[in-house]
Amino acid sequence: MVKKIFCIAIYSIRQWLTNPRIICLFVLMSLFVWNDIQVIGELTVKTGIRTNPLISPFFSNDPIKQLILLAGIVFLFSDAPFINKNQPYIIIRSKRVPWVLGQILYIAMASAIYFLFLMLVSILVLLPHATFATNGWGKIVQTLAQTNAGAQINLQFGISKEIITFYSPWEAFGLSFLLNWGVACFLGLILFVINLKFNRMLGLVAGGVILFFDLLVTNMLSPSFYHISPVSLSRLSVLDPMGVSLFPNLTYPFVFFGVSIVILSILLVVSIKKTTIEITSEL
């Protein structure tokens, strides 16, 4: 059964190579990340100082940038439950429960690939001007965090003082990936459940509401609302590693995403047994 589940997930990943919408998504997101981060490389050229290239935690910490990155996830999983002309034959051969578990594994794998790829792009942008042999975050990042140098070079996202204070570069990079992975899996499974039980339009509406709720909390509501905003929980500066404020502590998002993913997965396994599966055209 484990082999079946893994093969189903790998099959779905392989379909990316012949799917223009997925290829376009990765190209557009790469250009989006590249364009916004390259100004830091230009700053290193002007100053003659190399930078630490682990900038992606700051990029995804920006509410607007994160909204766009996760909009890509909603687009990636908008066709859940991923039924095309070949899937009915796979379901017949594997049975429904292994098939849906394979699709859940696909969401987890696809989410990891998506963010690892974009984080790698963010490193490649700065690689010609980068070094890992910096003292902590290095002079460039420290300067951008503590001065208005970012505004002078038209940097489109902020370098958070909280992140450079509480986390080392690799800690921030690793935590940022895990948090992004968690929220991407959460969004993918939410879309899967709603699309399976209702329809894709309702799934897209739900995905949009979850994305924009972060902006509502950030701009209008009390910090305590961050506890129920999945997108907010993926941003490092929202978390309180000391656990002394209304903001969620560092453990909370991992518990939130872990429990939510387990519940949504169980709901999918139960639902698939009673749901009529319809074939849809490939996008």
C-alpha atoms as a PDB file:
ATOM      1  CA  MET A   1       0.000   0.000   0.000  1.00  0.00           C
ATOM      2  CA  VAL A   2       2.848   2.377   0.826  1.00  0.00           C
ATOM      3  CA  LYS A   3       4.363   1.779  -2.611  1.00  0.00           C
ATOM      4  CA  LYS A   4       1.003   2.530  -4.275  1.00  0.00           C
ATOM      5  CA  ILE A   5       0.637   5.785  -2.343  1.00  0.00           C
ATOM      6  CA  PHE A   6       4.152   6.904  -3.252  1.00  0.00           C
ATOM      7  CA  CYS A   7       3.724   5.994  -6.930  1.00  0.00           C
ATOM      8  CA  ILE A   8       0.444   7.940  -7.137  1.00  0.00           C
ATOM      9  CA  ALA A   9       2.130  11.018  -5.677  1.00  0.00           C
ATOM     10  CA  ILE A  10       5.130  10.735  -8.024  1.00  0.00           C
ATOM     11  CA  TYR A  11       2.804  10.301 -11.007  1.00  0.00           C
ATOM     12  CA  SER A  12       1.074  13.587 -10.165  1.00  0.00           C
ATOM     13  CA  ILE A  13       4.436  15.372  -9.830  1.00  0.00           C
ATOM     14  CA  ARG A  14       5.539  14.040 -13.227  1.00  0.00           C
ATOM     15  CA  GLN A  15       2.454  15.538 -14.839  1.00  0.00           C
ATOM     16  CA  TRP A  16       3.981  18.983 -14.216  1.00  0.00           C
ATOM     17  CA  LEU A  17       6.445  18.451 -17.053  1.00  0.00           C
ATOM     18  CA  THR A  18       3.634  18.442 -19.623  1.00  0.00           C
ATOM     19  CA  ASN A  19       1.301  20.915 -17.910  1.00  0.00           C
ATOM     20  CA  PRO A  20       1.705  24.481 -19.276  1.00  0.00           C
ATOM     21  CA  ARG A  21      -0.138  26.069 -16.345  1.00  0.00           C
ATOM     22  CA  ILE A  22       2.309  24.590 -13.827  1.00  0.00           C
ATOM     23  CA  ILE A  23       5.339  25.526 -15.908  1.00  0.00           C
ATOM     24  CA  CYS A  24       4.037  29.096 -16.278  1.00  0.00           C
ATOM     25  CA  LEU A  25       3.418  29.290 -12.524  1.00  0.00           C
ATOM     26  CA  PHE A  26       7.011  28.374 -11.674  1.00  0.00           C
ATOM     27  CA  VAL A  27       8.420  30.718 -14.323  1.00  0.00           C
ATOM     28  CA  LEU A  28       6.305  33.677 -13.174  1.00  0.00           C
ATOM     29  CA  MET A  29       7.035  33.087  -9.484  1.00  0.00           C
ATOM     30  CA  SER A  30      10.756  32.792 -10.222  1.00  0.00           C
ATOM     31  CA  LEU A  31      10.705  36.123 -12.035  1.00  0.00           C
ATOM     32  CA  PHE A  32       8.725  37.647  -9.162  1.00  0.00           C
ATOM     33  CA  VAL A  33      11.315  36.543  -6.580  1.00  0.00           C
ATOM     34  CA  TRP A  34      14.299  37.351  -8.811  1.00  0.00           C
ATOM     35  CA  ASN A  35      13.115  40.875  -9.634  1.00  0.00           C
ATOM     36  CA  ASP A  36      12.555  41.863  -5.998  1.00  0.00           C
ATOM     37  CA  ILE A  37      15.767  40.411  -4.572  1.00  0.00           C
ATOM     38  CA  GLN A  38      18.222  41.454  -7.274  1.00  0.00           C
ATOM     39  CA  VAL A  39      18.407  45.027  -5.905  1.00  0.00           C
ATOM     40  CA  ILE A  40      20.287  43.623  -2.896  1.00  0.00           C
ATOM     41  CA  GLY A  41      22.860  42.246  -5.323  1.00  0.00           C
ATOM     42  CA  GLU A  42      23.144  45.684  -6.887  1.00  0.00           C
ATOM     43  CA  LEU A  43      23.797  47.124  -3.422  1.00  0.00           C
ATOM     44  CA  THR A  44      26.634  44.667  -2.846  1.00  0.00           C
ATOM     45  CA  VAL A  45      28.217  45.747  -6.124  1.00  0.00           C
ATOM     46  CA  LYS A  46      28.066  49.411  -5.083  1.00  0.00           C
ATOM     47  CA  THR A  47      29.457  48.787  -1.602  1.00  0.00           C
ATOM     48  CA  GLY A  48      31.914  46.033  -2.473  1.00  0.00           C
ATOM     49  CA  ILE A  49      30.604  44.000   0.465  1.00  0.00           C
ATOM     50  CA  ARG A  50      29.315  40.480  -0.051  1.00  0.00           C
ATOM     51  CA  THR A  51      26.009  39.486   1.545  1.00  0.00           C
ATOM     52  CA  ASN A  52      24.579  36.438   3.204  1.00  0.00           C
ATOM     53  CA  PRO A  53      22.244  35.007   0.505  1.00  0.00           C
ATOM     54  CA  LEU A  54      19.618  33.567   2.875  1.00  0.00           C
ATOM     55  CA  ILE A  55      17.189  36.406   2.218  1.00  0.00           C
ATOM     56  CA  SER A  56      14.033  34.370   1.570  1.00  0.00           C
ATOM     57  CA  PRO A  57      12.807  34.485   5.232  1.00  0.00           C
ATOM     58  CA  PHE A  58      12.517  38.281   4.915  1.00  0.00           C
ATOM     59  CA  PHE A  59      10.831  38.042   1.518  1.00  0.00           C
ATOM     60  CA  SER A  60       8.099  35.665   2.712  1.00  0.00           C
ATOM     61  CA  ASN A  61       7.780  37.681   5.928  1.00  0.00           C
ATOM     62  CA  ASP A  62       6.296  40.577   3.949  1.00  0.00           C
ATOM     63  CA  PRO A  63       2.452  40.268   4.008  1.00  0.00           C
ATOM     64  CA  ILE A  64       1.998  41.213   0.345  1.00  0.00           C
ATOM     65  CA  LYS A  65       4.849  39.048  -0.942  1.00  0.00           C
ATOM     66  CA  GLN A  66       3.584  36.123   1.127  1.00  0.00           C
ATOM     67  CA  LEU A  67       0.053  36.615  -0.167  1.00  0.00           C
ATOM     68  CA  ILE A  68       1.349  36.405  -3.754  1.00  0.00           C
ATOM     69  CA  LEU A  69       3.497  33.334  -3.016  1.00  0.00           C
ATOM     70  CA  LEU A  70       0.539  31.555  -1.437  1.00  0.00           C
ATOM     71  CA  ALA A  71      -1.773  32.658  -4.234  1.00  0.00           C
ATOM     72  CA  GLY A  72       0.556  30.534  -6.352  1.00  0.00           C
ATOM     73  CA  ILE A  73      -0.176  27.601  -4.032  1.00  0.00           C
ATOM     74  CA  VAL A  74      -3.924  28.159  -4.407  1.00  0.00           C
ATOM     75  CA  PHE A  75      -3.446  28.189  -8.179  1.00  0.00           C
ATOM     76  CA  LEU A  76      -1.290  25.040  -8.037  1.00  0.00           C
ATOM     77  CA  PHE A  77      -3.927  23.100  -6.096  1.00  0.00           C
ATOM     78  CA  SER A  78      -7.026  24.735  -7.561  1.00  0.00           C
ATOM     79  CA  ASP A  79      -7.775  21.622  -9.616  1.00  0.00           C
ATOM     80  CA  ALA A  80      -7.917  19.313  -6.578  1.00  0.00           C
ATOM     81  CA  PRO A  81      -8.879  16.449  -6.406  1.00  0.00           C
ATOM     82  CA  PHE A  82      -6.678  16.262  -9.516  1.00  0.00           C
ATOM     83  CA  ILE A  83      -9.001  14.095 -11.620  1.00  0.00           C
ATOM     84  CA  ASN A  84      -8.059  13.820 -15.290  1.00  0.00           C
ATOM     85  CA  LYS A  85      -8.694  11.197 -17.962  1.00  0.00           C
ATOM     86  CA  ASN A  86      -6.053   8.828 -16.526  1.00  0.00           C
ATOM     87  CA  GLN A  87      -6.993   9.011 -12.849  1.00  0.00           C
ATOM     88  CA  PRO A  88     -10.101   6.738 -12.966  1.00  0.00           C
ATOM     89  CA  TYR A  89      -7.902   3.856 -14.131  1.00  0.00           C
ATOM     90  CA  ILE A  90      -5.434   4.576 -11.333  1.00  0.00           C
ATOM     91  CA  ILE A  91      -8.278   4.598  -8.797  1.00  0.00           C
ATOM     92  CA  ILE A  92      -9.584   1.255 -10.080  1.00  0.00           C
ATOM     93  CA  ARG A  93      -6.141  -0.338  -9.780  1.00  0.00           C
ATOM     94  CA  SER A  94      -5.172   1.195  -6.424  1.00  0.00           C
ATOM     95  CA  LYS A  95      -8.619   1.558  -4.725  1.00  0.00           C
ATOM     96  CA  ARG A  96      -9.948   4.807  -3.306  1.00  0.00           C
ATOM     97  CA  VAL A  97      -8.183   5.064   0.049  1.00  0.00           C
ATOM     98  CA  PRO A  98      -4.635   4.528  -1.291  1.00  0.00           C
ATOM     99  CA  TRP A  99      -5.464   6.927  -4.121  1.00  0.00           C
ATOM    100  CA  VAL A 100      -6.583   9.741  -1.814  1.00  0.00           C
ATOM    101  CA  LEU A 101      -3.577   9.137   0.467  1.00  0.00           C
ATOM    102  CA  GLY A 102      -1.386   9.415  -2.623  1.00  0.00           C
ATOM    103  CA  GLN A 103      -2.999  12.734  -3.462  1.00  0.00           C
ATOM    104  CA  ILE A 104      -2.420  13.957   0.097  1.00  0.00           C
ATOM    105  CA  LEU A 105       1.236  12.942  -0.205  1.00  0.00           C
ATOM    106  CA  TYR A 106       1.337  14.750  -3.560  1.00  0.00           C
ATOM    107  CA  ILE A 107       0.145  17.961  -1.881  1.00  0.00           C
ATOM    108  CA  ALA A 108       2.891  17.628   0.746  1.00  0.00           C
ATOM    109  CA  MET A 109       5.571  16.909  -1.870  1.00  0.00           C
ATOM    110  CA  ALA A 110       4.380  19.632  -4.245  1.00  0.00           C
ATOM    111  CA  SER A 111       4.293  22.203  -1.434  1.00  0.00           C
ATOM    112  CA  ALA A 112       7.860  21.340  -0.422  1.00  0.00           C
ATOM    113  CA  ILE A 113       9.110  21.467  -4.027  1.00  0.00           C
ATOM    114  CA  TYR A 114       7.388  24.808  -4.646  1.00  0.00           C
ATOM    115  CA  PHE A 115       8.983  26.598  -1.701  1.00  0.00           C
ATOM    116  CA  LEU A 116      12.358  24.879  -1.921  1.00  0.00           C
ATOM    117  CA  PHE A 117      12.529  25.885  -5.578  1.00  0.00           C
ATOM    118  CA  LEU A 118      11.691  29.538  -4.871  1.00  0.00           C
ATOM    119  CA  MET A 119      14.084  29.660  -1.910  1.00  0.00           C
ATOM    120  CA  LEU A 120      16.788  28.264  -4.170  1.00  0.00           C
ATOM    121  CA  VAL A 121      15.979  30.969  -6.744  1.00  0.00           C
ATOM    122  CA  SER A 122      16.395  33.617  -4.035  1.00  0.00           C
ATOM    123  CA  ILE A 123      19.871  32.231  -3.283  1.00  0.00           C
ATOM    124  CA  LEU A 124      20.864  32.007  -6.954  1.00  0.00           C
ATOM    125  CA  VAL A 125      19.972  35.684  -7.476  1.00  0.00           C
ATOM    126  CA  LEU A 126      22.587  36.727  -4.931  1.00  0.00           C
ATOM    127  CA  LEU A 127      25.097  33.949  -5.491  1.00  0.00           C
ATOM    128  CA  PRO A 128      27.520  36.080  -7.575  1.00  0.00           C
ATOM    129  CA  HIS A 129      27.617  38.610  -4.729  1.00  0.00           C
ATOM    130  CA  ALA A 130      27.250  36.267  -1.763  1.00  0.00           C
ATOM    131  CA  THR A 131      29.231  34.532   0.932  1.00  0.00           C
ATOM    132  CA  PHE A 132      28.185  32.285   3.799  1.00  0.00           C
ATOM    133  CA  ALA A 133      31.277  33.381   5.731  1.00  0.00           C
ATOM    134  CA  THR A 134      29.521  36.347   7.308  1.00  0.00           C
ATOM    135  CA  ASN A 135      29.426  37.299  10.958  1.00  0.00           C
ATOM    136  CA  GLY A 136      25.822  36.352  11.659  1.00  0.00           C
ATOM    137  CA  TRP A 137      23.611  38.003   9.069  1.00  0.00           C
ATOM    138  CA  GLY A 138      26.448  40.151   7.750  1.00  0.00           C
ATOM    139  CA  LYS A 139      26.833  43.896   7.194  1.00  0.00           C
ATOM    140  CA  ILE A 140      24.476  44.203   4.229  1.00  0.00           C
ATOM    141  CA  VAL A 141      21.490  42.611   5.991  1.00  0.00           C
ATOM    142  CA  GLN A 142      22.227  44.447   9.246  1.00  0.00           C
ATOM    143  CA  THR A 143      22.390  47.760   7.385  1.00  0.00           C
ATOM    144  CA  LEU A 144      19.104  47.129   5.579  1.00  0.00           C
ATOM    145  CA  ALA A 145      17.441  46.213   8.886  1.00  0.00           C
ATOM    146  CA  GLN A 146      18.688  49.198  10.878  1.00  0.00           C
ATOM    147  CA  THR A 147      18.748  52.049   8.333  1.00  0.00           C
ATOM    148  CA  ASN A 148      16.666  53.404   5.453  1.00  0.00           C
ATOM    149  CA  ALA A 149      19.047  51.918   2.893  1.00  0.00           C
ATOM    150  CA  GLY A 150      16.248  49.643   1.679  1.00  0.00           C
ATOM    151  CA  ALA A 151      14.118  52.622   0.675  1.00  0.00           C
ATOM    152  CA  GLN A 152      17.073  54.212  -1.101  1.00  0.00           C
ATOM    153  CA  ILE A 153      17.616  51.160  -3.315  1.00  0.00           C
ATOM    154  CA  ASN A 154      13.853  50.647  -3.761  1.00  0.00           C
ATOM    155  CA  LEU A 155      13.781  47.319  -1.923  1.00  0.00           C
ATOM    156  CA  GLN A 156      10.166  46.123  -2.072  1.00  0.00           C
ATOM    157  CA  PHE A 157      10.138  44.200   1.218  1.00  0.00           C
ATOM    158  CA  GLY A 158      11.400  44.897   4.704  1.00  0.00           C
ATOM    159  CA  ILE A 159      14.348  43.315   6.522  1.00  0.00           C
ATOM    160  CA  SER A 160      12.842  42.515   9.911  1.00  0.00           C
ATOM    161  CA  LYS A 161      14.828  43.463  13.005  1.00  0.00           C
ATOM    162  CA  GLU A 162      12.960  40.776  14.951  1.00  0.00           C
ATOM    163  CA  ILE A 163      14.225  38.027  12.652  1.00  0.00           C
ATOM    164  CA  ILE A 164      17.886  39.059  12.784  1.00  0.00           C
ATOM    165  CA  THR A 165      17.624  39.484  16.562  1.00  0.00           C
ATOM    166  CA  PHE A 166      16.097  36.124  17.437  1.00  0.00           C
ATOM    167  CA  TYR A 167      17.332  33.808  14.685  1.00  0.00           C
ATOM    168  CA  SER A 168      20.586  32.927  12.960  1.00  0.00           C
ATOM    169  CA  PRO A 169      20.477  32.853   9.130  1.00  0.00           C
ATOM    170  CA  TRP A 170      20.128  29.070   8.906  1.00  0.00           C
ATOM    171  CA  GLU A 171      17.573  28.958  11.737  1.00  0.00           C
ATOM    172  CA  ALA A 172      15.429  31.550   9.984  1.00  0.00           C
ATOM    173  CA  PHE A 173      15.846  29.786   6.638  1.00  0.00           C
ATOM    174  CA  GLY A 174      14.845  26.403   8.060  1.00  0.00           C
ATOM    175  CA  LEU A 175      11.939  27.708  10.128  1.00  0.00           C
ATOM    176  CA  SER A 176      10.662  29.803   7.227  1.00  0.00           C
ATOM    177  CA  PHE A 177      10.630  26.751   4.965  1.00  0.00           C
ATOM    178  CA  LEU A 178       8.808  24.598   7.528  1.00  0.00           C
ATOM    179  CA  LEU A 179       6.187  27.284   8.183  1.00  0.00           C
ATOM    180  CA  ASN A 180       5.641  27.891   4.465  1.00  0.00           C
ATOM    181  CA  TRP A 181       5.419  24.152   3.887  1.00  0.00           C
ATOM    182  CA  GLY A 182       2.850  23.852   6.669  1.00  0.00           C
ATOM    183  CA  VAL A 183       0.576  26.608   5.384  1.00  0.00           C
ATOM    184  CA  ALA A 184       0.880  25.348   1.784  1.00  0.00           C
ATOM    185  CA  CYS A 185      -0.173  21.830   2.847  1.00  0.00           C
ATOM    186  CA  PHE A 186      -3.018  23.339   4.861  1.00  0.00           C
ATOM    187  CA  LEU A 187      -4.258  25.370   1.881  1.00  0.00           C
ATOM    188  CA  GLY A 188      -3.914  22.426  -0.487  1.00  0.00           C
ATOM    189  CA  LEU A 189      -5.937  20.143   1.783  1.00  0.00           C
ATOM    190  CA  ILE A 190      -8.592  22.810   2.392  1.00  0.00           C
ATOM    191  CA  LEU A 191      -9.020  23.185  -1.370  1.00  0.00           C
ATOM    192  CA  PHE A 192      -9.117  19.400  -1.766  1.00  0.00           C
ATOM    193  CA  VAL A 193     -11.838  18.970   0.881  1.00  0.00           C
ATOM    194  CA  ILE A 194     -14.041  21.813  -0.359  1.00  0.00           C
ATOM    195  CA  ASN A 195     -13.628  20.937  -4.044  1.00  0.00           C
ATOM    196  CA  LEU A 196     -14.432  17.300  -3.315  1.00  0.00           C
ATOM    197  CA  LYS A 197     -17.485  18.011  -1.146  1.00  0.00           C
ATOM    198  CA  PHE A 198     -18.807  21.040  -3.031  1.00  0.00           C
ATOM    199  CA  ASN A 199     -17.189  22.655  -6.089  1.00  0.00           C
ATOM    200  CA  ARG A 200     -14.004  24.377  -7.248  1.00  0.00           C
ATOM    201  CA  MET A 201     -15.447  27.877  -7.229  1.00  0.00           C
ATOM    202  CA  LEU A 202     -16.252  27.590  -3.526  1.00  0.00           C
ATOM    203  CA  GLY A 203     -12.764  26.204  -2.955  1.00  0.00           C
ATOM    204  CA  LEU A 204     -11.168  29.216  -4.646  1.00  0.00           C
ATOM    205  CA  VAL A 205     -13.357  31.595  -2.623  1.00  0.00           C
ATOM    206  CA  ALA A 206     -12.331  29.859   0.609  1.00  0.00           C
ATOM    207  CA  GLY A 207      -8.674  30.025  -0.413  1.00  0.00           C
ATOM    208  CA  GLY A 208      -8.986  33.742  -1.152  1.00  0.00           C
ATOM    209  CA  VAL A 209     -10.669  34.424   2.199  1.00  0.00           C
ATOM    210  CA  ILE A 210      -7.853  32.619   4.056  1.00  0.00           C
ATOM    211  CA  LEU A 211      -5.210  34.615   2.160  1.00  0.00           C
ATOM    212  CA  PHE A 212      -6.768  38.029   2.710  1.00  0.00           C
ATOM    213  CA  PHE A 213      -7.654  37.360   6.352  1.00  0.00           C
ATOM    214  CA  ASP A 214      -3.940  37.806   7.102  1.00  0.00           C
ATOM    215  CA  LEU A 215      -4.073  41.379   5.761  1.00  0.00           C
ATOM    216  CA  LEU A 216      -7.203  42.056   7.817  1.00  0.00           C
ATOM    217  CA  VAL A 217      -5.543  40.841  11.010  1.00  0.00           C
ATOM    218  CA  THR A 218      -2.287  42.672  10.252  1.00  0.00           C
ATOM    219  CA  ASN A 219      -3.956  46.019   9.597  1.00  0.00           C
ATOM    220  CA  MET A 220      -7.111  46.085  11.713  1.00  0.00           C
ATOM    221  CA  LEU A 221      -7.440  43.365  14.360  1.00  0.00           C
ATOM    222  CA  SER A 222      -5.831  42.456  17.663  1.00  0.00           C
ATOM    223  CA  PRO A 223      -2.638  40.328  17.591  1.00  0.00           C
ATOM    224  CA  SER A 224      -4.610  37.545  19.292  1.00  0.00           C
ATOM    225  CA  PHE A 225      -6.362  36.928  15.934  1.00  0.00           C
ATOM    226  CA  TYR A 226      -3.037  35.732  14.518  1.00  0.00           C
ATOM    227  CA  HIS A 227      -3.793  32.437  16.290  1.00  0.00           C
ATOM    228  CA  ILE A 228      -6.598  31.707  13.795  1.00  0.00           C
ATOM    229  CA  SER A 229      -4.928  33.139  10.683  1.00  0.00           C
ATOM    230  CA  PRO A 230      -2.999  30.322   8.927  1.00  0.00           C
ATOM    231  CA  VAL A 231      -1.175  32.661   6.548  1.00  0.00           C
ATOM    232  CA  SER A 232      -0.043  34.879   9.419  1.00  0.00           C
ATOM    233  CA  LEU A 233       1.405  31.865  11.220  1.00  0.00           C
ATOM    234  CA  SER A 234       3.809  31.327   8.312  1.00  0.00           C
ATOM    235  CA  ARG A 235       5.506  34.695   8.873  1.00  0.00           C
ATOM    236  CA  LEU A 236       8.382  34.633  11.351  1.00  0.00           C
ATOM    237  CA  SER A 237       7.941  38.186  12.654  1.00  0.00           C
ATOM    238  CA  VAL A 238       4.398  37.330  13.802  1.00  0.00           C
ATOM    239  CA  LEU A 239       5.719  34.696  16.185  1.00  0.00           C
ATOM    240  CA  ASP A 240       6.967  35.458  19.681  1.00  0.00           C
ATOM    241  CA  PRO A 241       9.867  33.101  20.488  1.00  0.00           C
ATOM    242  CA  MET A 242       9.858  34.383  24.084  1.00  0.00           C
ATOM    243  CA  GLY A 243       6.147  33.656  24.592  1.00  0.00           C
ATOM    244  CA  VAL A 244       5.470  36.861  26.538  1.00  0.00           C
ATOM    245  CA  SER A 245       2.922  38.643  24.326  1.00  0.00           C
ATOM    246  CA  LEU A 246      -0.442  38.192  22.585  1.00  0.00           C
ATOM    247  CA  PHE A 247       1.376  36.916  19.514  1.00  0.00           C
ATOM    248  CA  PRO A 248       1.595  33.122  18.970  1.00  0.00           C
ATOM    249  CA  ASN A 249       4.713  31.455  20.345  1.00  0.00           C
ATOM    250  CA  LEU A 250       7.118  29.518  18.138  1.00  0.00           C
ATOM    251  CA  THR A 251       5.546  26.149  18.915  1.00  0.00           C
ATOM    252  CA  TYR A 252       1.960  27.148  18.151  1.00  0.00           C
ATOM    253  CA  PRO A 253       2.037  27.156  14.301  1.00  0.00           C
ATOM    254  CA  PHE A 254       3.591  23.680  14.192  1.00  0.00           C
ATOM    255  CA  VAL A 255       0.829  22.342  16.441  1.00  0.00           C
ATOM    256  CA  PHE A 256      -1.817  24.253  14.452  1.00  0.00           C
ATOM    257  CA  PHE A 257      -0.652  22.997  11.055  1.00  0.00           C
ATOM    258  CA  GLY A 258       0.064  19.478  12.301  1.00  0.00           C
ATOM    259  CA  VAL A 259      -3.363  18.999  13.874  1.00  0.00           C
ATOM    260  CA  SER A 260      -5.161  20.675  10.947  1.00  0.00           C
ATOM    261  CA  ILE A 261      -3.378  18.511   8.363  1.00  0.00           C
ATOM    262  CA  VAL A 262      -4.220  15.310  10.264  1.00  0.00           C
ATOM    263  CA  ILE A 263      -7.897  16.293  10.629  1.00  0.00           C
ATOM    264  CA  LEU A 264      -8.233  17.329   6.972  1.00  0.00           C
ATOM    265  CA  SER A 265      -6.518  14.125   5.832  1.00  0.00           C
ATOM    266  CA  ILE A 266      -8.881  11.976   7.904  1.00  0.00           C
ATOM    267  CA  LEU A 267     -11.848  13.916   6.528  1.00  0.00           C
ATOM    268  CA  LEU A 268     -10.646  13.240   2.973  1.00  0.00           C
ATOM    269  CA  VAL A 269     -10.198   9.515   3.602  1.00  0.00           C
ATOM    270  CA  VAL A 270     -13.710   9.286   5.066  1.00  0.00           C
ATOM    271  CA  SER A 271     -15.261  11.453   2.335  1.00  0.00           C
ATOM    272  CA  ILE A 272     -13.691   9.661  -0.631  1.00  0.00           C
ATOM    273  CA  LYS A 273     -15.584   6.466   0.224  1.00  0.00           C
ATOM    274  CA  LYS A 274     -18.926   8.214  -0.221  1.00  0.00           C
ATOM    275  CA  THR A 275     -18.142  10.650  -3.029  1.00  0.00           C
ATOM    276  CA  THR A 276     -18.883  10.217  -6.724  1.00  0.00           C
ATOM    277  CA  ILE A 277     -15.727  10.943  -8.683  1.00  0.00           C
ATOM    278  CA  GLU A 278     -16.188  12.947 -11.862  1.00  0.00           C
ATOM    279  CA  ILE A 279     -13.666  13.209 -14.690  1.00  0.00           C
ATOM    280  CA  THR A 280     -12.602  16.722 -15.632  1.00  0.00           C
ATOM    281  CA  SER A 281     -10.637  18.015 -18.544  1.00  0.00           C
ATOM    282  CA  GLU A 282      -6.949  18.778 -18.013  1.00  0.00           C
ATOM    283  CA  LEU A 283      -6.073  22.452 -17.749  1.00  0.00           C
END
